[in-house]
Amino acid sequence: MRSKPSFISLLPSAARLPIVPFRSLYAVMFIISVASGCTSVPLKQGGTLTSYGSLGAPKGKLSKSRIYVDGQRLAAVKTVSIMPTSFSFSAASHVSKEADRALVSNVLDRALCVALSDKYQLVSAGQPADLTIRSVITDIVPTNKAMAGIATAVTVGSGFALPSGVPVSVPRLPFGLGGLAVEAEAVDSSGDQSAAILWSRGANSFQDKPRYSEVGDAYNLASRFANDFSRILISGKEPKGLNLSLPSRQRMKSWFGGKPKYAACDAFGRAPGLLGAIAAKYGAPPEWADKRSKSTSAR
């Protein structure tokens, strides 16, 4: 009687890794960890900010930034409008598909809208508001799709090779990693700058899961930018250290794909929630789970 094939035997050949002694596997992971495990993306001006003169000195290691913020101006803000994120010409030329560029810009706007809803009332783009936010993606380092596919296979396969109960996270192979650079500003109703930022970050082997997409890393990093900039706008000052606060109730609801606090955020569609988390774990392209609204699909 023929035995049923095992789950591992059904995986692609690249993912069927041999069972190796834990010490040997740990040694391999250590070698990977000391290798060049991240992509360096420099800060890049796109020429779209009202002013660059007030920006501070570059700071940060993983996320690099130059920041300007006027806390007194922001203290009086009640309503906020978000203009759809655009691309500089040079950044757009690095990504072949318009649909991929739209995914990155849309997830940035959605994350920014949801985060700012913790403090401000969000109104639709073009409507009168105390503060208007404009973001421009100034650079994208595309993810190497082939390397992302191999990295996914290695990560999943290594999970099967590890002894049960061993709390070890397998690093991503440090090749073909993507990156993102953004500049953004918040201006008041008179057009005066209340806050501005130059920001860049490259994917790294430990925090960014590989996804089979040219914009797989940029898609994830766009949300990180939104979280960093929204933190500045909400607090009215430059952040110091990690943000250890728990996400608000409305943020959690939005993350799970629920209705956002303000209707203006629905213009950017609903977050993919658990389906998106599962898709990311197995390296699926962002568009498999992230279904944009009709309004963003048309822009």
C-alpha atoms as a PDB file:
ATOM      1  CA  MET A   1       0.000   0.000   0.000  1.00  0.00           C
ATOM      2  CA  ARG A   2       1.446   3.321  -1.055  1.00  0.00           C
ATOM      3  CA  SER A   3       1.933   5.884   1.710  1.00  0.00           C
ATOM      4  CA  LYS A   4       0.557   9.397   1.353  1.00  0.00           C
ATOM      5  CA  PRO A   5       3.107  12.065   0.351  1.00  0.00           C
ATOM      6  CA  SER A   6       4.297  14.289   3.169  1.00  0.00           C
ATOM      7  CA  PHE A   7       3.606  18.020   3.201  1.00  0.00           C
ATOM      8  CA  ILE A   8       7.289  18.811   2.694  1.00  0.00           C
ATOM      9  CA  SER A   9       7.430  16.607  -0.404  1.00  0.00           C
ATOM     10  CA  LEU A  10       4.681  18.744  -1.941  1.00  0.00           C
ATOM     11  CA  LEU A  11       6.686  21.961  -1.536  1.00  0.00           C
ATOM     12  CA  PRO A  12       8.722  23.379  -4.446  1.00  0.00           C
ATOM     13  CA  SER A  13      12.167  21.829  -4.629  1.00  0.00           C
ATOM     14  CA  ALA A  14      13.799  25.086  -3.456  1.00  0.00           C
ATOM     15  CA  ALA A  15      11.838  24.883  -0.222  1.00  0.00           C
ATOM     16  CA  ARG A  16      12.620  21.221   0.536  1.00  0.00           C
ATOM     17  CA  LEU A  17      15.656  21.814   2.681  1.00  0.00           C
ATOM     18  CA  PRO A  18      17.487  18.916   4.303  1.00  0.00           C
ATOM     19  CA  ILE A  19      17.083  18.359   8.012  1.00  0.00           C
ATOM     20  CA  VAL A  20      20.342  19.555   9.508  1.00  0.00           C
ATOM     21  CA  PRO A  21      21.669  19.576  13.060  1.00  0.00           C
ATOM     22  CA  PHE A  22      20.516  22.652  14.965  1.00  0.00           C
ATOM     23  CA  ARG A  23      24.097  23.794  15.645  1.00  0.00           C
ATOM     24  CA  SER A  24      24.870  23.765  11.932  1.00  0.00           C
ATOM     25  CA  LEU A  25      21.702  25.693  11.118  1.00  0.00           C
ATOM     26  CA  TYR A  26      22.465  28.224  13.853  1.00  0.00           C
ATOM     27  CA  ALA A  27      25.953  28.708  12.393  1.00  0.00           C
ATOM     28  CA  VAL A  28      24.477  29.384   8.953  1.00  0.00           C
ATOM     29  CA  MET A  29      22.054  31.934  10.406  1.00  0.00           C
ATOM     30  CA  PHE A  30      24.895  33.627  12.286  1.00  0.00           C
ATOM     31  CA  ILE A  31      26.897  33.978   9.079  1.00  0.00           C
ATOM     32  CA  ILE A  32      23.862  35.511   7.383  1.00  0.00           C
ATOM     33  CA  SER A  33      23.286  37.883  10.290  1.00  0.00           C
ATOM     34  CA  VAL A  34      26.788  39.352  10.099  1.00  0.00           C
ATOM     35  CA  ALA A  35      26.591  39.759   6.346  1.00  0.00           C
ATOM     36  CA  SER A  36      25.325  42.920   4.710  1.00  0.00           C
ATOM     37  CA  GLY A  37      21.774  42.466   5.944  1.00  0.00           C
ATOM     38  CA  CYS A  38      20.158  45.708   4.822  1.00  0.00           C
ATOM     39  CA  THR A  39      19.839  48.087   1.892  1.00  0.00           C
ATOM     40  CA  SER A  40      21.201  51.604   2.289  1.00  0.00           C
ATOM     41  CA  VAL A  41      18.894  54.243   0.821  1.00  0.00           C
ATOM     42  CA  PRO A  42      20.119  57.854   1.053  1.00  0.00           C
ATOM     43  CA  LEU A  43      17.847  60.793   1.834  1.00  0.00           C
ATOM     44  CA  LYS A  44      16.777  62.372  -1.435  1.00  0.00           C
ATOM     45  CA  GLN A  45      15.260  65.769  -2.147  1.00  0.00           C
ATOM     46  CA  GLY A  46      12.576  65.880  -4.797  1.00  0.00           C
ATOM     47  CA  GLY A  47      12.201  69.656  -4.962  1.00  0.00           C
ATOM     48  CA  THR A  48       8.536  69.581  -3.921  1.00  0.00           C
ATOM     49  CA  LEU A  49       8.669  70.966  -0.375  1.00  0.00           C
ATOM     50  CA  THR A  50       7.768  74.596   0.292  1.00  0.00           C
ATOM     51  CA  SER A  51      11.107  74.962   2.088  1.00  0.00           C
ATOM     52  CA  TYR A  52      14.094  72.791   3.002  1.00  0.00           C
ATOM     53  CA  GLY A  53      15.831  75.469   5.057  1.00  0.00           C
ATOM     54  CA  SER A  54      14.321  74.530   8.415  1.00  0.00           C
ATOM     55  CA  LEU A  55      15.014  70.809   8.228  1.00  0.00           C
ATOM     56  CA  GLY A  56      17.296  69.501  10.944  1.00  0.00           C
ATOM     57  CA  ALA A  57      20.444  67.440  10.583  1.00  0.00           C
ATOM     58  CA  PRO A  58      20.140  63.829   9.379  1.00  0.00           C
ATOM     59  CA  LYS A  59      19.325  61.367  12.173  1.00  0.00           C
ATOM     60  CA  GLY A  60      18.647  57.663  12.540  1.00  0.00           C
ATOM     61  CA  LYS A  61      20.249  54.361  11.614  1.00  0.00           C
ATOM     62  CA  LEU A  62      17.559  52.105  10.151  1.00  0.00           C
ATOM     63  CA  SER A  63      15.195  54.933   9.227  1.00  0.00           C
ATOM     64  CA  LYS A  64      17.107  58.087   8.282  1.00  0.00           C
ATOM     65  CA  SER A  65      15.360  61.449   8.469  1.00  0.00           C
ATOM     66  CA  ARG A  66      15.649  65.210   8.504  1.00  0.00           C
ATOM     67  CA  ILE A  67      12.747  66.813  10.348  1.00  0.00           C
ATOM     68  CA  TYR A  68      11.136  70.190  10.892  1.00  0.00           C
ATOM     69  CA  VAL A  69       8.119  70.608  13.169  1.00  0.00           C
ATOM     70  CA  ASP A  70       6.394  73.649  14.674  1.00  0.00           C
ATOM     71  CA  GLY A  71       4.513  72.386  17.703  1.00  0.00           C
ATOM     72  CA  GLN A  72       2.736  75.675  18.333  1.00  0.00           C
ATOM     73  CA  ARG A  73       1.222  75.727  14.849  1.00  0.00           C
ATOM     74  CA  LEU A  74       0.104  72.103  15.152  1.00  0.00           C
ATOM     75  CA  ALA A  75      -1.488  72.695  18.557  1.00  0.00           C
ATOM     76  CA  ALA A  76      -4.330  74.645  16.934  1.00  0.00           C
ATOM     77  CA  VAL A  77      -5.046  72.060  14.222  1.00  0.00           C
ATOM     78  CA  LYS A  78      -8.386  70.260  14.290  1.00  0.00           C
ATOM     79  CA  THR A  79      -8.983  69.120  10.693  1.00  0.00           C
ATOM     80  CA  VAL A  80      -6.528  67.450   8.307  1.00  0.00           C
ATOM     81  CA  SER A  81      -6.671  66.681   4.589  1.00  0.00           C
ATOM     82  CA  ILE A  82      -4.342  64.232   2.821  1.00  0.00           C
ATOM     83  CA  MET A  83      -3.442  64.817  -0.808  1.00  0.00           C
ATOM     84  CA  PRO A  84      -2.787  61.559  -2.702  1.00  0.00           C
ATOM     85  CA  THR A  85       0.908  60.662  -2.636  1.00  0.00           C
ATOM     86  CA  SER A  86       2.757  61.149  -5.909  1.00  0.00           C
ATOM     87  CA  PHE A  87       6.094  60.009  -7.353  1.00  0.00           C
ATOM     88  CA  SER A  88       9.042  62.017  -8.564  1.00  0.00           C
ATOM     89  CA  PHE A  89       9.947  61.276 -12.174  1.00  0.00           C
ATOM     90  CA  SER A  90      13.122  59.409 -11.221  1.00  0.00           C
ATOM     91  CA  ALA A  91      11.349  57.285  -8.576  1.00  0.00           C
ATOM     92  CA  ALA A  92       8.533  56.374 -10.966  1.00  0.00           C
ATOM     93  CA  SER A  93      11.064  55.218 -13.555  1.00  0.00           C
ATOM     94  CA  HIS A  94      12.365  52.566 -11.140  1.00  0.00           C
ATOM     95  CA  VAL A  95       9.042  50.672 -11.047  1.00  0.00           C
ATOM     96  CA  SER A  96       7.727  49.299 -14.322  1.00  0.00           C
ATOM     97  CA  LYS A  97       4.022  48.904 -13.468  1.00  0.00           C
ATOM     98  CA  GLU A  98       1.700  51.790 -12.650  1.00  0.00           C
ATOM     99  CA  ALA A  99      -0.418  49.420 -10.553  1.00  0.00           C
ATOM    100  CA  ASP A 100       2.603  48.677  -8.346  1.00  0.00           C
ATOM    101  CA  ARG A 101       3.290  52.377  -7.845  1.00  0.00           C
ATOM    102  CA  ALA A 102      -0.361  52.910  -6.929  1.00  0.00           C
ATOM    103  CA  LEU A 103      -0.171  50.151  -4.296  1.00  0.00           C
ATOM    104  CA  VAL A 104       2.758  51.847  -2.576  1.00  0.00           C
ATOM    105  CA  SER A 105       1.315  55.361  -2.626  1.00  0.00           C
ATOM    106  CA  ASN A 106      -2.098  54.140  -1.497  1.00  0.00           C
ATOM    107  CA  VAL A 107      -0.874  52.122   1.485  1.00  0.00           C
ATOM    108  CA  LEU A 108       1.157  55.158   2.583  1.00  0.00           C
ATOM    109  CA  ASP A 109      -1.911  57.420   2.450  1.00  0.00           C
ATOM    110  CA  ARG A 110      -4.140  54.862   4.167  1.00  0.00           C
ATOM    111  CA  ALA A 111      -1.701  54.305   7.023  1.00  0.00           C
ATOM    112  CA  LEU A 112      -1.245  58.060   7.455  1.00  0.00           C
ATOM    113  CA  CYS A 113      -5.002  58.683   7.444  1.00  0.00           C
ATOM    114  CA  VAL A 114      -5.745  55.999  10.025  1.00  0.00           C
ATOM    115  CA  ALA A 115      -2.876  57.040  12.309  1.00  0.00           C
ATOM    116  CA  LEU A 116      -3.782  60.736  12.261  1.00  0.00           C
ATOM    117  CA  SER A 117      -7.385  59.855  13.113  1.00  0.00           C
ATOM    118  CA  ASP A 118      -6.180  59.283  16.681  1.00  0.00           C
ATOM    119  CA  LYS A 119      -6.003  63.067  17.163  1.00  0.00           C
ATOM    120  CA  TYR A 120      -7.461  64.929  14.194  1.00  0.00           C
ATOM    121  CA  GLN A 121     -10.647  64.945  12.151  1.00  0.00           C
ATOM    122  CA  LEU A 122      -9.795  63.762   8.637  1.00  0.00           C
ATOM    123  CA  VAL A 123     -11.573  65.396   5.704  1.00  0.00           C
ATOM    124  CA  SER A 124     -11.480  64.470   2.024  1.00  0.00           C
ATOM    125  CA  ALA A 125      -8.738  65.790  -0.239  1.00  0.00           C
ATOM    126  CA  GLY A 126      -9.622  69.184  -1.654  1.00  0.00           C
ATOM    127  CA  GLN A 127     -11.936  70.084   1.232  1.00  0.00           C
ATOM    128  CA  PRO A 128     -11.083  73.043   3.528  1.00  0.00           C
ATOM    129  CA  ALA A 129      -8.818  71.917   6.381  1.00  0.00           C
ATOM    130  CA  ASP A 130      -6.536  73.413   9.006  1.00  0.00           C
ATOM    131  CA  LEU A 131      -3.690  71.265   7.712  1.00  0.00           C
ATOM    132  CA  THR A 132      -2.975  69.668   4.341  1.00  0.00           C
ATOM    133  CA  ILE A 133      -0.414  66.892   3.955  1.00  0.00           C
ATOM    134  CA  ARG A 134       1.506  66.335   0.730  1.00  0.00           C
ATOM    135  CA  SER A 135       3.858  63.372   0.287  1.00  0.00           C
ATOM    136  CA  VAL A 136       6.146  62.555  -2.644  1.00  0.00           C
ATOM    137  CA  ILE A 137       8.063  59.308  -3.097  1.00  0.00           C
ATOM    138  CA  THR A 138      11.504  60.438  -4.218  1.00  0.00           C
ATOM    139  CA  ASP A 139      13.202  57.065  -4.612  1.00  0.00           C
ATOM    140  CA  ILE A 140      12.410  53.350  -4.737  1.00  0.00           C
ATOM    141  CA  VAL A 141      14.900  50.513  -4.718  1.00  0.00           C
ATOM    142  CA  PRO A 142      12.953  47.675  -6.352  1.00  0.00           C
ATOM    143  CA  THR A 143      12.857  44.289  -4.658  1.00  0.00           C
ATOM    144  CA  ASN A 144      14.486  41.512  -6.681  1.00  0.00           C
ATOM    145  CA  LYS A 145      11.517  39.168  -7.233  1.00  0.00           C
ATOM    146  CA  ALA A 146      13.646  36.103  -7.907  1.00  0.00           C
ATOM    147  CA  MET A 147      15.661  36.576  -4.717  1.00  0.00           C
ATOM    148  CA  ALA A 148      12.472  37.260  -2.758  1.00  0.00           C
ATOM    149  CA  GLY A 149      11.053  33.945  -3.985  1.00  0.00           C
ATOM    150  CA  ILE A 150      14.192  32.070  -2.955  1.00  0.00           C
ATOM    151  CA  ALA A 151      14.260  33.843   0.404  1.00  0.00           C
ATOM    152  CA  THR A 152      10.641  32.838   1.039  1.00  0.00           C
ATOM    153  CA  ALA A 153      11.398  29.211   0.201  1.00  0.00           C
ATOM    154  CA  VAL A 154      14.437  29.190   2.477  1.00  0.00           C
ATOM    155  CA  THR A 155      12.536  30.830   5.352  1.00  0.00           C
ATOM    156  CA  VAL A 156       9.569  28.466   5.110  1.00  0.00           C
ATOM    157  CA  GLY A 157      11.785  25.429   4.578  1.00  0.00           C
ATOM    158  CA  SER A 158      14.035  26.326   7.483  1.00  0.00           C
ATOM    159  CA  GLY A 159      10.986  26.497   9.700  1.00  0.00           C
ATOM    160  CA  PHE A 160      10.364  22.821   9.002  1.00  0.00           C
ATOM    161  CA  ALA A 161      14.010  22.002   9.622  1.00  0.00           C
ATOM    162  CA  LEU A 162      14.111  23.600  13.075  1.00  0.00           C
ATOM    163  CA  PRO A 163      13.390  21.382  16.076  1.00  0.00           C
ATOM    164  CA  SER A 164       9.928  21.985  17.525  1.00  0.00           C
ATOM    165  CA  GLY A 165       9.801  24.539  20.314  1.00  0.00           C
ATOM    166  CA  VAL A 166      12.986  26.340  19.252  1.00  0.00           C
ATOM    167  CA  PRO A 167      12.205  30.112  19.355  1.00  0.00           C
ATOM    168  CA  VAL A 168      14.506  31.145  16.502  1.00  0.00           C
ATOM    169  CA  SER A 169      13.512  33.522  13.719  1.00  0.00           C
ATOM    170  CA  VAL A 170      15.267  32.663  10.464  1.00  0.00           C
ATOM    171  CA  PRO A 171      16.764  35.824   8.894  1.00  0.00           C
ATOM    172  CA  ARG A 172      15.933  36.694   5.324  1.00  0.00           C
ATOM    173  CA  LEU A 173      18.714  36.222   2.798  1.00  0.00           C
ATOM    174  CA  PRO A 174      20.400  39.650   2.513  1.00  0.00           C
ATOM    175  CA  PHE A 175      20.243  39.925  -1.274  1.00  0.00           C
ATOM    176  CA  GLY A 176      17.897  41.842  -3.564  1.00  0.00           C
ATOM    177  CA  LEU A 177      16.411  43.927  -0.751  1.00  0.00           C
ATOM    178  CA  GLY A 178      14.343  46.976  -1.643  1.00  0.00           C
ATOM    179  CA  GLY A 179      14.059  50.460  -0.172  1.00  0.00           C
ATOM    180  CA  LEU A 180      12.091  53.689  -0.131  1.00  0.00           C
ATOM    181  CA  ALA A 181      12.685  57.434   0.207  1.00  0.00           C
ATOM    182  CA  VAL A 182       9.929  59.994   0.811  1.00  0.00           C
ATOM    183  CA  GLU A 183       9.617  63.726   1.387  1.00  0.00           C
ATOM    184  CA  ALA A 184       6.470  65.204   2.889  1.00  0.00           C
ATOM    185  CA  GLU A 185       5.140  68.355   4.464  1.00  0.00           C
ATOM    186  CA  ALA A 186       2.107  69.621   6.324  1.00  0.00           C
ATOM    187  CA  VAL A 187       0.992  73.130   5.404  1.00  0.00           C
ATOM    188  CA  ASP A 188      -1.715  75.306   6.960  1.00  0.00           C
ATOM    189  CA  SER A 189      -4.571  77.006   5.121  1.00  0.00           C
ATOM    190  CA  SER A 190      -2.231  79.878   4.193  1.00  0.00           C
ATOM    191  CA  GLY A 191       0.313  77.503   2.673  1.00  0.00           C
ATOM    192  CA  ASP A 192       2.836  77.987   5.486  1.00  0.00           C
ATOM    193  CA  GLN A 193       4.832  74.919   6.473  1.00  0.00           C
ATOM    194  CA  SER A 194       3.978  73.471   9.897  1.00  0.00           C
ATOM    195  CA  ALA A 195       6.045  70.284   9.570  1.00  0.00           C
ATOM    196  CA  ALA A 196       8.260  68.629   6.994  1.00  0.00           C
ATOM    197  CA  ILE A 197      10.378  65.509   6.646  1.00  0.00           C
ATOM    198  CA  LEU A 198      12.926  63.842   4.409  1.00  0.00           C
ATOM    199  CA  TRP A 199      12.861  60.099   5.145  1.00  0.00           C
ATOM    200  CA  SER A 200      14.495  56.954   3.813  1.00  0.00           C
ATOM    201  CA  ARG A 201      14.843  53.341   4.808  1.00  0.00           C
ATOM    202  CA  GLY A 202      16.073  50.121   3.273  1.00  0.00           C
ATOM    203  CA  ALA A 203      14.669  46.685   3.977  1.00  0.00           C
ATOM    204  CA  ASN A 204      16.709  44.446   6.275  1.00  0.00           C
ATOM    205  CA  SER A 205      17.054  40.710   6.779  1.00  0.00           C
ATOM    206  CA  PHE A 206      15.412  40.591  10.205  1.00  0.00           C
ATOM    207  CA  GLN A 207      12.369  42.881  10.103  1.00  0.00           C
ATOM    208  CA  ASP A 208      11.141  42.762   6.511  1.00  0.00           C
ATOM    209  CA  LYS A 209       9.582  39.602   5.110  1.00  0.00           C
ATOM    210  CA  PRO A 210      10.330  38.830   1.451  1.00  0.00           C
ATOM    211  CA  ARG A 211       7.414  39.232  -0.967  1.00  0.00           C
ATOM    212  CA  TYR A 212       7.324  38.176  -4.609  1.00  0.00           C
ATOM    213  CA  SER A 213       6.841  41.678  -5.955  1.00  0.00           C
ATOM    214  CA  GLU A 214       8.988  44.452  -7.365  1.00  0.00           C
ATOM    215  CA  VAL A 215       7.529  46.748  -4.691  1.00  0.00           C
ATOM    216  CA  GLY A 216       7.252  44.179  -1.908  1.00  0.00           C
ATOM    217  CA  ASP A 217       9.660  46.020   0.391  1.00  0.00           C
ATOM    218  CA  ALA A 218       8.550  49.514  -0.628  1.00  0.00           C
ATOM    219  CA  TYR A 219       4.948  48.558   0.188  1.00  0.00           C
ATOM    220  CA  ASN A 220       5.899  47.583   3.748  1.00  0.00           C
ATOM    221  CA  LEU A 221       8.207  50.560   4.221  1.00  0.00           C
ATOM    222  CA  ALA A 222       5.520  53.018   3.115  1.00  0.00           C
ATOM    223  CA  SER A 223       3.505  52.165   6.222  1.00  0.00           C
ATOM    224  CA  ARG A 224       6.600  52.689   8.385  1.00  0.00           C
ATOM    225  CA  PHE A 225       7.069  56.144   6.930  1.00  0.00           C
ATOM    226  CA  ALA A 226       3.413  56.956   7.615  1.00  0.00           C
ATOM    227  CA  ASN A 227       3.767  55.844  11.226  1.00  0.00           C
ATOM    228  CA  ASP A 228       6.933  57.926  11.705  1.00  0.00           C
ATOM    229  CA  PHE A 229       5.478  61.108  10.169  1.00  0.00           C
ATOM    230  CA  SER A 230       2.107  60.773  11.905  1.00  0.00           C
ATOM    231  CA  ARG A 231       3.911  60.408  15.245  1.00  0.00           C
ATOM    232  CA  ILE A 232       5.582  63.776  14.629  1.00  0.00           C
ATOM    233  CA  LEU A 233       2.334  65.459  13.602  1.00  0.00           C
ATOM    234  CA  ILE A 234       0.414  64.087  16.585  1.00  0.00           C
ATOM    235  CA  SER A 235       3.037  64.897  19.209  1.00  0.00           C
ATOM    236  CA  GLY A 236       4.174  68.187  17.665  1.00  0.00           C
ATOM    237  CA  LYS A 237       7.842  67.321  18.231  1.00  0.00           C
ATOM    238  CA  GLU A 238      10.637  65.093  17.007  1.00  0.00           C
ATOM    239  CA  PRO A 239      10.274  61.557  18.366  1.00  0.00           C
ATOM    240  CA  LYS A 240      12.874  60.209  20.752  1.00  0.00           C
ATOM    241  CA  GLY A 241      13.406  56.475  20.958  1.00  0.00           C
ATOM    242  CA  LEU A 242      10.977  53.694  20.085  1.00  0.00           C
ATOM    243  CA  ASN A 243       7.235  54.157  20.240  1.00  0.00           C
ATOM    244  CA  LEU A 244       6.161  51.607  22.858  1.00  0.00           C
ATOM    245  CA  SER A 245       2.548  52.759  23.160  1.00  0.00           C
ATOM    246  CA  LEU A 246      -0.229  50.324  22.285  1.00  0.00           C
ATOM    247  CA  PRO A 247      -2.230  51.031  19.107  1.00  0.00           C
ATOM    248  CA  SER A 248      -5.574  52.733  19.640  1.00  0.00           C
ATOM    249  CA  ARG A 249      -8.870  50.911  19.315  1.00  0.00           C
ATOM    250  CA  GLN A 250      -9.684  52.615  16.026  1.00  0.00           C
ATOM    251  CA  ARG A 251      -6.283  51.677  14.594  1.00  0.00           C
ATOM    252  CA  MET A 252      -6.778  48.027  15.498  1.00  0.00           C
ATOM    253  CA  LYS A 253     -10.239  48.038  13.951  1.00  0.00           C
ATOM    254  CA  SER A 254      -8.874  49.566  10.751  1.00  0.00           C
ATOM    255  CA  TRP A 255      -5.963  47.093  10.665  1.00  0.00           C
ATOM    256  CA  PHE A 256      -8.435  44.211  10.680  1.00  0.00           C
ATOM    257  CA  GLY A 257     -10.184  45.742   7.671  1.00  0.00           C
ATOM    258  CA  GLY A 258     -12.981  47.450   9.585  1.00  0.00           C
ATOM    259  CA  LYS A 259     -14.621  50.775   8.888  1.00  0.00           C
ATOM    260  CA  PRO A 260     -12.234  53.672   9.581  1.00  0.00           C
ATOM    261  CA  LYS A 261     -13.043  56.377  12.098  1.00  0.00           C
ATOM    262  CA  TYR A 262     -13.546  58.976   9.354  1.00  0.00           C
ATOM    263  CA  ALA A 263     -15.133  58.449   5.940  1.00  0.00           C
ATOM    264  CA  ALA A 264     -12.255  60.353   4.292  1.00  0.00           C
ATOM    265  CA  CYS A 265      -9.965  57.375   4.993  1.00  0.00           C
ATOM    266  CA  ASP A 266     -12.223  55.070   2.994  1.00  0.00           C
ATOM    267  CA  ALA A 267     -10.893  56.804  -0.116  1.00  0.00           C
ATOM    268  CA  PHE A 268      -7.763  54.680   0.358  1.00  0.00           C
ATOM    269  CA  GLY A 269      -9.604  51.387   0.765  1.00  0.00           C
ATOM    270  CA  ARG A 270      -9.611  48.993   3.709  1.00  0.00           C
ATOM    271  CA  ALA A 271      -6.525  47.304   5.141  1.00  0.00           C
ATOM    272  CA  PRO A 272      -6.159  43.584   4.241  1.00  0.00           C
ATOM    273  CA  GLY A 273      -5.991  42.559   7.916  1.00  0.00           C
ATOM    274  CA  LEU A 274      -5.432  38.873   8.720  1.00  0.00           C
ATOM    275  CA  LEU A 275      -5.563  37.879   5.056  1.00  0.00           C
ATOM    276  CA  GLY A 276      -2.775  40.342   4.367  1.00  0.00           C
ATOM    277  CA  ALA A 277      -0.707  39.019   7.278  1.00  0.00           C
ATOM    278  CA  ILE A 278      -1.020  35.454   5.995  1.00  0.00           C
ATOM    279  CA  ALA A 279      -0.187  36.529   2.442  1.00  0.00           C
ATOM    280  CA  ALA A 280       2.902  38.381   3.706  1.00  0.00           C
ATOM    281  CA  LYS A 281       4.069  35.381   5.722  1.00  0.00           C
ATOM    282  CA  TYR A 282       4.154  33.218   2.614  1.00  0.00           C
ATOM    283  CA  GLY A 283       5.632  35.868   0.335  1.00  0.00           C
ATOM    284  CA  ALA A 284       2.535  36.643  -1.753  1.00  0.00           C
ATOM    285  CA  PRO A 285       2.506  39.954  -3.669  1.00  0.00           C
ATOM    286  CA  PRO A 286       0.687  42.798  -1.849  1.00  0.00           C
ATOM    287  CA  GLU A 287      -2.061  42.996  -4.491  1.00  0.00           C
ATOM    288  CA  TRP A 288      -3.245  39.479  -3.620  1.00  0.00           C
ATOM    289  CA  ALA A 289      -4.800  40.772  -0.414  1.00  0.00           C
ATOM    290  CA  ASP A 290      -4.836  44.568  -0.695  1.00  0.00           C
ATOM    291  CA  LYS A 291      -7.867  45.546  -2.757  1.00  0.00           C
ATOM    292  CA  ARG A 292      -7.869  49.280  -3.280  1.00  0.00           C
ATOM    293  CA  SER A 293     -11.061  51.327  -3.420  1.00  0.00           C
ATOM    294  CA  LYS A 294     -12.535  52.272  -6.793  1.00  0.00           C
ATOM    295  CA  SER A 295     -11.451  55.886  -6.296  1.00  0.00           C
ATOM    296  CA  THR A 296      -7.799  54.990  -5.776  1.00  0.00           C
ATOM    297  CA  SER A 297      -7.816  52.451  -8.596  1.00  0.00           C
ATOM    298  CA  ALA A 298      -8.882  55.166 -10.981  1.00  0.00           C
ATOM    299  CA  ARG A 299      -6.323  57.755 -10.025  1.00  0.00           C
END
